[in-house]
Amino acid sequence: MQVLSTSQLATTVKDLRIEKGLTQLELAKRTNIDQIFISRLEEDNFIPSIEQLDSLTKTLNFDSTDLFIEEESHNSFYYLVKDAKTDNEKEGFKMLVEMMLTLRQQVQIRKSYESQKAKV
């Protein structure tokens, strides 16, 4: 199963932003993504929504499919995809699993952020 590599995304966004001579604030304005989220994304501490990722790819002109890596999964959702009967079913299950994993990552990052914030 393919998952978004947040570390590759962080590196790509930062490198392309700098290459284009943009500040984080300028990139935030062009993408309608809060500057704090741009900063957190570049630190590999934020997972963008699909809309945010789309805005970043269009603004910085890169292909998001290059950021997905193959990851073996041994959970029940993986087996649903494997046992799907049609290509449409398989794609639907893959999309569902990717969205759930992204949500799980966002929850984990948010918990980490909140615990660090509480310490300050």
N, C-alpha and C. Protein backbone atom coordinates (compact mmCIF):
# COMPACT_ATOMS: atom_id res chain seq x y z
N MET A 1 0.84 -1.17 0.00
CA MET A 1 0.00 0.00 0.00
C MET A 1 0.90 1.24 0.00
N GLN A 2 0.46 2.25 -0.71
CA GLN A 2 1.24 3.48 -0.77
C GLN A 2 0.74 4.48 0.26
N VAL A 3 1.68 5.14 0.91
CA VAL A 3 1.34 6.17 1.89
C VAL A 3 2.18 7.41 1.59
N LEU A 4 1.65 8.54 2.01
CA LEU A 4 2.36 9.80 1.81
C LEU A 4 3.58 9.86 2.73
N SER A 5 4.73 10.14 2.18
CA SER A 5 5.94 10.32 2.98
C SER A 5 5.98 11.77 3.44
N THR A 6 5.66 11.98 4.70
CA THR A 6 5.63 13.35 5.21
C THR A 6 7.02 13.96 5.24
N SER A 7 8.05 13.14 5.42
CA SER A 7 9.41 13.69 5.42
C SER A 7 9.80 14.16 4.02
N GLN A 8 9.40 13.41 2.99
CA GLN A 8 9.68 13.84 1.62
C GLN A 8 8.88 15.09 1.27
N LEU A 9 7.64 15.15 1.76
CA LEU A 9 6.82 16.33 1.53
C LEU A 9 7.46 17.54 2.18
N ALA A 10 7.90 17.39 3.42
CA ALA A 10 8.53 18.51 4.14
C ALA A 10 9.74 19.03 3.38
N THR A 11 10.59 18.14 2.94
CA THR A 11 11.80 18.52 2.21
C THR A 11 11.45 19.18 0.88
N THR A 12 10.50 18.60 0.16
CA THR A 12 10.10 19.13 -1.14
C THR A 12 9.55 20.54 -1.02
N VAL A 13 8.62 20.74 -0.08
CA VAL A 13 8.00 22.05 0.08
C VAL A 13 9.04 23.09 0.47
N LYS A 14 9.88 22.77 1.42
CA LYS A 14 10.90 23.73 1.87
C LYS A 14 11.88 24.06 0.75
N ASP A 15 12.37 23.04 0.07
CA ASP A 15 13.35 23.26 -1.00
C ASP A 15 12.76 24.09 -2.14
N LEU A 16 11.53 23.75 -2.56
CA LEU A 16 10.91 24.49 -3.67
C LEU A 16 10.55 25.91 -3.25
N ARG A 17 10.11 26.08 -2.01
CA ARG A 17 9.79 27.43 -1.53
C ARG A 17 11.03 28.31 -1.58
N ILE A 18 12.14 27.79 -1.08
CA ILE A 18 13.40 28.54 -1.07
C ILE A 18 13.89 28.78 -2.50
N GLU A 19 13.79 27.75 -3.35
CA GLU A 19 14.21 27.87 -4.75
C GLU A 19 13.44 28.97 -5.48
N LYS A 20 12.17 29.12 -5.14
CA LYS A 20 11.34 30.14 -5.78
C LYS A 20 11.43 31.49 -5.07
N GLY A 21 12.26 31.56 -4.03
CA GLY A 21 12.47 32.82 -3.32
C GLY A 21 11.27 33.28 -2.50
N LEU A 22 10.49 32.34 -2.01
CA LEU A 22 9.31 32.68 -1.23
C LEU A 22 9.58 32.52 0.27
N THR A 23 9.00 33.40 1.05
CA THR A 23 9.01 33.21 2.50
C THR A 23 7.85 32.29 2.85
N GLN A 24 7.85 31.82 4.08
CA GLN A 24 6.72 31.00 4.51
C GLN A 24 5.42 31.80 4.46
N LEU A 25 5.49 33.07 4.81
CA LEU A 25 4.30 33.93 4.78
C LEU A 25 3.78 34.08 3.35
N GLU A 26 4.68 34.29 2.38
CA GLU A 26 4.27 34.43 0.99
C GLU A 26 3.62 33.13 0.48
N LEU A 27 4.23 32.00 0.83
CA LEU A 27 3.66 30.71 0.43
C LEU A 27 2.29 30.52 1.09
N ALA A 28 2.17 30.92 2.33
CA ALA A 28 0.89 30.80 3.04
C ALA A 28 -0.20 31.60 2.34
N LYS A 29 0.13 32.81 1.93
CA LYS A 29 -0.85 33.65 1.24
C LYS A 29 -1.25 33.06 -0.12
N ARG A 30 -0.28 32.51 -0.85
CA ARG A 30 -0.57 31.96 -2.18
C ARG A 30 -1.37 30.66 -2.12
N THR A 31 -1.23 29.93 -1.02
CA THR A 31 -1.90 28.63 -0.92
C THR A 31 -3.13 28.66 -0.01
N ASN A 32 -3.35 29.77 0.68
CA ASN A 32 -4.43 29.86 1.67
C ASN A 32 -4.26 28.84 2.79
N ILE A 33 -3.00 28.58 3.13
CA ILE A 33 -2.67 27.71 4.25
C ILE A 33 -1.99 28.59 5.30
N ASP A 34 -2.42 28.48 6.53
CA ASP A 34 -1.86 29.30 7.60
C ASP A 34 -0.34 29.15 7.66
N GLN A 35 0.35 30.25 7.91
CA GLN A 35 1.81 30.24 7.97
C GLN A 35 2.32 29.26 9.04
N ILE A 36 1.60 29.13 10.13
CA ILE A 36 2.01 28.19 11.18
C ILE A 36 2.01 26.77 10.63
N PHE A 37 1.00 26.45 9.81
CA PHE A 37 0.94 25.11 9.22
C PHE A 37 2.05 24.89 8.21
N ILE A 38 2.41 25.93 7.47
CA ILE A 38 3.54 25.84 6.52
C ILE A 38 4.81 25.53 7.30
N SER A 39 5.03 26.24 8.39
CA SER A 39 6.20 26.01 9.23
C SER A 39 6.22 24.59 9.78
N ARG A 40 5.09 24.15 10.31
CA ARG A 40 5.00 22.80 10.88
C ARG A 40 5.18 21.75 9.79
N LEU A 41 4.64 22.00 8.59
CA LEU A 41 4.79 21.06 7.49
C LEU A 41 6.26 20.89 7.13
N GLU A 42 6.99 22.02 7.06
CA GLU A 42 8.41 21.97 6.71
C GLU A 42 9.24 21.30 7.80
N GLU A 43 8.72 21.24 9.00
CA GLU A 43 9.41 20.55 10.10
C GLU A 43 8.94 19.10 10.23
N ASP A 44 8.15 18.65 9.27
CA ASP A 44 7.58 17.29 9.26
C ASP A 44 6.72 17.07 10.51
N ASN A 45 5.94 18.09 10.83
CA ASN A 45 5.10 18.02 12.02
C ASN A 45 3.65 18.38 11.68
N PHE A 46 3.26 18.21 10.40
CA PHE A 46 1.91 18.54 9.97
C PHE A 46 1.61 17.76 8.70
N ILE A 47 0.42 17.20 8.63
CA ILE A 47 -0.02 16.49 7.44
C ILE A 47 -1.14 17.31 6.82
N PRO A 48 -0.93 17.80 5.60
CA PRO A 48 -1.95 18.65 4.97
C PRO A 48 -3.18 17.85 4.55
N SER A 49 -4.29 18.54 4.44
CA SER A 49 -5.49 17.92 3.89
C SER A 49 -5.27 17.73 2.38
N ILE A 50 -6.16 17.05 1.75
CA ILE A 50 -6.05 16.84 0.30
C ILE A 50 -6.09 18.17 -0.43
N GLU A 51 -6.98 19.07 0.02
CA GLU A 51 -7.08 20.39 -0.61
C GLU A 51 -5.79 21.19 -0.42
N GLN A 52 -5.21 21.11 0.78
CA GLN A 52 -3.97 21.83 1.04
C GLN A 52 -2.82 21.26 0.20
N LEU A 53 -2.76 19.95 0.10
CA LEU A 53 -1.72 19.31 -0.71
C LEU A 53 -1.87 19.73 -2.17
N ASP A 54 -3.10 19.76 -2.65
CA ASP A 54 -3.36 20.18 -4.02
C ASP A 54 -2.90 21.63 -4.25
N SER A 55 -3.20 22.50 -3.30
CA SER A 55 -2.79 23.90 -3.40
C SER A 55 -1.27 24.03 -3.42
N LEU A 56 -0.60 23.25 -2.58
CA LEU A 56 0.87 23.28 -2.55
C LEU A 56 1.46 22.79 -3.87
N THR A 57 0.91 21.70 -4.41
CA THR A 57 1.46 21.16 -5.66
C THR A 57 1.29 22.14 -6.81
N LYS A 58 0.15 22.83 -6.84
CA LYS A 58 -0.09 23.80 -7.91
C LYS A 58 0.79 25.04 -7.75
N THR A 59 0.93 25.51 -6.52
CA THR A 59 1.72 26.73 -6.27
C THR A 59 3.21 26.50 -6.48
N LEU A 60 3.70 25.36 -6.00
CA LEU A 60 5.14 25.08 -6.10
C LEU A 60 5.50 24.23 -7.31
N ASN A 61 4.48 23.79 -8.06
CA ASN A 61 4.67 23.04 -9.29
C ASN A 61 5.46 21.75 -9.09
N PHE A 62 4.87 20.83 -8.31
CA PHE A 62 5.47 19.50 -8.16
C PHE A 62 4.37 18.46 -8.20
N ASP A 63 4.77 17.21 -8.43
CA ASP A 63 3.83 16.10 -8.55
C ASP A 63 3.75 15.36 -7.22
N SER A 64 2.59 15.37 -6.61
CA SER A 64 2.43 14.75 -5.30
C SER A 64 2.59 13.23 -5.36
N THR A 65 2.40 12.63 -6.52
CA THR A 65 2.53 11.17 -6.60
C THR A 65 3.97 10.73 -6.34
N ASP A 66 4.93 11.64 -6.53
CA ASP A 66 6.33 11.31 -6.25
C ASP A 66 6.59 11.17 -4.75
N LEU A 67 5.65 11.63 -3.92
CA LEU A 67 5.84 11.64 -2.48
C LEU A 67 5.25 10.41 -1.78
N PHE A 68 4.65 9.54 -2.57
CA PHE A 68 4.06 8.33 -1.99
C PHE A 68 5.07 7.19 -2.04
N ILE A 69 5.14 6.46 -0.94
CA ILE A 69 6.07 5.34 -0.84
C ILE A 69 5.28 4.08 -0.56
N GLU A 70 5.84 2.97 -0.94
CA GLU A 70 5.19 1.69 -0.72
C GLU A 70 5.43 1.25 0.72
N GLU A 71 4.35 0.92 1.38
CA GLU A 71 4.47 0.46 2.77
C GLU A 71 3.62 -0.79 2.92
N GLU A 72 4.25 -1.85 3.42
CA GLU A 72 3.51 -3.08 3.62
C GLU A 72 2.62 -2.93 4.84
N SER A 73 1.42 -3.40 4.72
CA SER A 73 0.47 -3.28 5.82
C SER A 73 -0.06 -4.65 6.18
N HIS A 74 -0.19 -4.88 7.47
CA HIS A 74 -0.71 -6.16 7.95
C HIS A 74 -1.96 -5.95 8.78
N ASN A 75 -2.78 -5.01 8.38
CA ASN A 75 -4.00 -4.79 9.13
C ASN A 75 -5.20 -5.27 8.34
N SER A 76 -6.36 -5.26 8.96
CA SER A 76 -7.56 -5.81 8.33
C SER A 76 -7.96 -5.03 7.08
N PHE A 77 -7.67 -3.73 7.04
CA PHE A 77 -8.03 -2.95 5.86
C PHE A 77 -7.24 -3.41 4.65
N TYR A 78 -6.01 -3.81 4.85
CA TYR A 78 -5.19 -4.30 3.76
C TYR A 78 -5.85 -5.53 3.12
N TYR A 79 -6.39 -6.39 3.96
CA TYR A 79 -7.01 -7.60 3.44
C TYR A 79 -8.32 -7.30 2.71
N LEU A 80 -9.02 -6.24 3.11
CA LEU A 80 -10.21 -5.82 2.38
C LEU A 80 -9.83 -5.44 0.95
N VAL A 81 -8.74 -4.70 0.81
CA VAL A 81 -8.28 -4.29 -0.51
C VAL A 81 -7.88 -5.52 -1.32
N LYS A 82 -7.17 -6.42 -0.69
CA LYS A 82 -6.70 -7.62 -1.37
C LYS A 82 -7.86 -8.48 -1.87
N ASP A 83 -8.95 -8.54 -1.10
CA ASP A 83 -10.08 -9.39 -1.45
C ASP A 83 -11.14 -8.69 -2.28
N ALA A 84 -10.94 -7.43 -2.63
CA ALA A 84 -11.93 -6.69 -3.42
C ALA A 84 -12.10 -7.36 -4.78
N LYS A 85 -13.31 -7.37 -5.25
CA LYS A 85 -13.63 -8.08 -6.49
C LYS A 85 -13.35 -7.27 -7.75
N THR A 86 -13.64 -5.98 -7.72
CA THR A 86 -13.47 -5.15 -8.91
C THR A 86 -12.38 -4.11 -8.68
N ASP A 87 -11.87 -3.57 -9.78
CA ASP A 87 -10.86 -2.51 -9.67
C ASP A 87 -11.42 -1.30 -8.95
N ASN A 88 -12.69 -0.99 -9.20
CA ASN A 88 -13.34 0.14 -8.55
C ASN A 88 -13.40 -0.07 -7.04
N GLU A 89 -13.74 -1.31 -6.62
CA GLU A 89 -13.76 -1.64 -5.19
C GLU A 89 -12.37 -1.49 -4.58
N LYS A 90 -11.36 -1.97 -5.28
CA LYS A 90 -9.99 -1.90 -4.79
C LYS A 90 -9.57 -0.44 -4.60
N GLU A 91 -9.85 0.38 -5.59
CA GLU A 91 -9.48 1.79 -5.49
C GLU A 91 -10.23 2.47 -4.35
N GLY A 92 -11.50 2.14 -4.19
CA GLY A 92 -12.28 2.71 -3.09
C GLY A 92 -11.72 2.33 -1.74
N PHE A 93 -11.36 1.05 -1.57
CA PHE A 93 -10.78 0.60 -0.31
C PHE A 93 -9.42 1.25 -0.06
N LYS A 94 -8.61 1.35 -1.11
CA LYS A 94 -7.30 1.98 -0.96
C LYS A 94 -7.44 3.43 -0.51
N MET A 95 -8.38 4.14 -1.13
CA MET A 95 -8.60 5.53 -0.79
C MET A 95 -9.06 5.65 0.68
N LEU A 96 -9.97 4.78 1.07
CA LEU A 96 -10.48 4.78 2.45
C LEU A 96 -9.35 4.54 3.44
N VAL A 97 -8.52 3.55 3.17
CA VAL A 97 -7.41 3.23 4.07
C VAL A 97 -6.43 4.39 4.15
N GLU A 98 -6.10 4.99 3.02
CA GLU A 98 -5.17 6.12 3.02
C GLU A 98 -5.73 7.29 3.82
N MET A 99 -7.02 7.56 3.67
CA MET A 99 -7.63 8.64 4.43
C MET A 99 -7.62 8.34 5.93
N MET A 100 -7.88 7.09 6.29
CA MET A 100 -7.89 6.72 7.71
C MET A 100 -6.48 6.80 8.31
N LEU A 101 -5.49 6.36 7.55
CA LEU A 101 -4.11 6.43 8.04
C LEU A 101 -3.66 7.89 8.18
N THR A 102 -4.05 8.72 7.23
CA THR A 102 -3.72 10.15 7.32
C THR A 102 -4.38 10.77 8.54
N LEU A 103 -5.63 10.42 8.77
CA LEU A 103 -6.33 10.93 9.94
C LEU A 103 -5.63 10.48 11.22
N ARG A 104 -5.22 9.21 11.26
CA ARG A 104 -4.52 8.69 12.44
C ARG A 104 -3.21 9.45 12.66
N GLN A 105 -2.48 9.72 11.58
CA GLN A 105 -1.24 10.48 11.70
C GLN A 105 -1.50 11.88 12.22
N GLN A 106 -2.56 12.51 11.72
CA GLN A 106 -2.90 13.86 12.17
C GLN A 106 -3.26 13.87 13.64
N VAL A 107 -3.99 12.86 14.10
CA VAL A 107 -4.35 12.77 15.52
C VAL A 107 -3.09 12.59 16.37
N GLN A 108 -2.17 11.74 15.93
CA GLN A 108 -0.93 11.52 16.67
C GLN A 108 -0.09 12.80 16.74
N ILE A 109 0.00 13.50 15.63
CA ILE A 109 0.77 14.75 15.62
C ILE A 109 0.11 15.78 16.51
N ARG A 110 -1.22 15.87 16.45
CA ARG A 110 -1.94 16.83 17.29
C ARG A 110 -1.73 16.52 18.78
N LYS A 111 -1.78 15.23 19.15
CA LYS A 111 -1.55 14.85 20.54
C LYS A 111 -0.14 15.24 20.97
N SER A 112 0.83 14.98 20.11
CA SER A 112 2.21 15.34 20.42
C SER A 112 2.36 16.84 20.58
N TYR A 113 1.74 17.59 19.66
CA TYR A 113 1.80 19.05 19.71
C TYR A 113 1.15 19.56 20.99
N GLU A 114 -0.02 19.03 21.34
CA GLU A 114 -0.73 19.46 22.55
C GLU A 114 0.07 19.15 23.81
N SER A 115 0.73 17.99 23.84
CA SER A 115 1.52 17.64 25.04
C SER A 115 2.75 18.54 25.15
N GLN A 116 3.37 18.90 24.01
CA GLN A 116 4.51 19.83 24.04
C GLN A 116 4.05 21.21 24.45
N LYS A 117 2.90 21.61 23.96
CA LYS A 117 2.34 22.92 24.29
C LYS A 117 2.02 23.01 25.78
N ALA A 118 1.52 21.92 26.36
CA ALA A 118 1.18 21.88 27.77
C ALA A 118 2.42 22.01 28.67
N LYS A 119 3.56 21.53 28.17
CA LYS A 119 4.81 21.60 28.94
C LYS A 119 5.35 23.02 29.03
N VAL A 120 5.01 23.83 28.03
CA VAL A 120 5.53 25.22 27.97
C VAL A 120 4.75 26.08 28.84
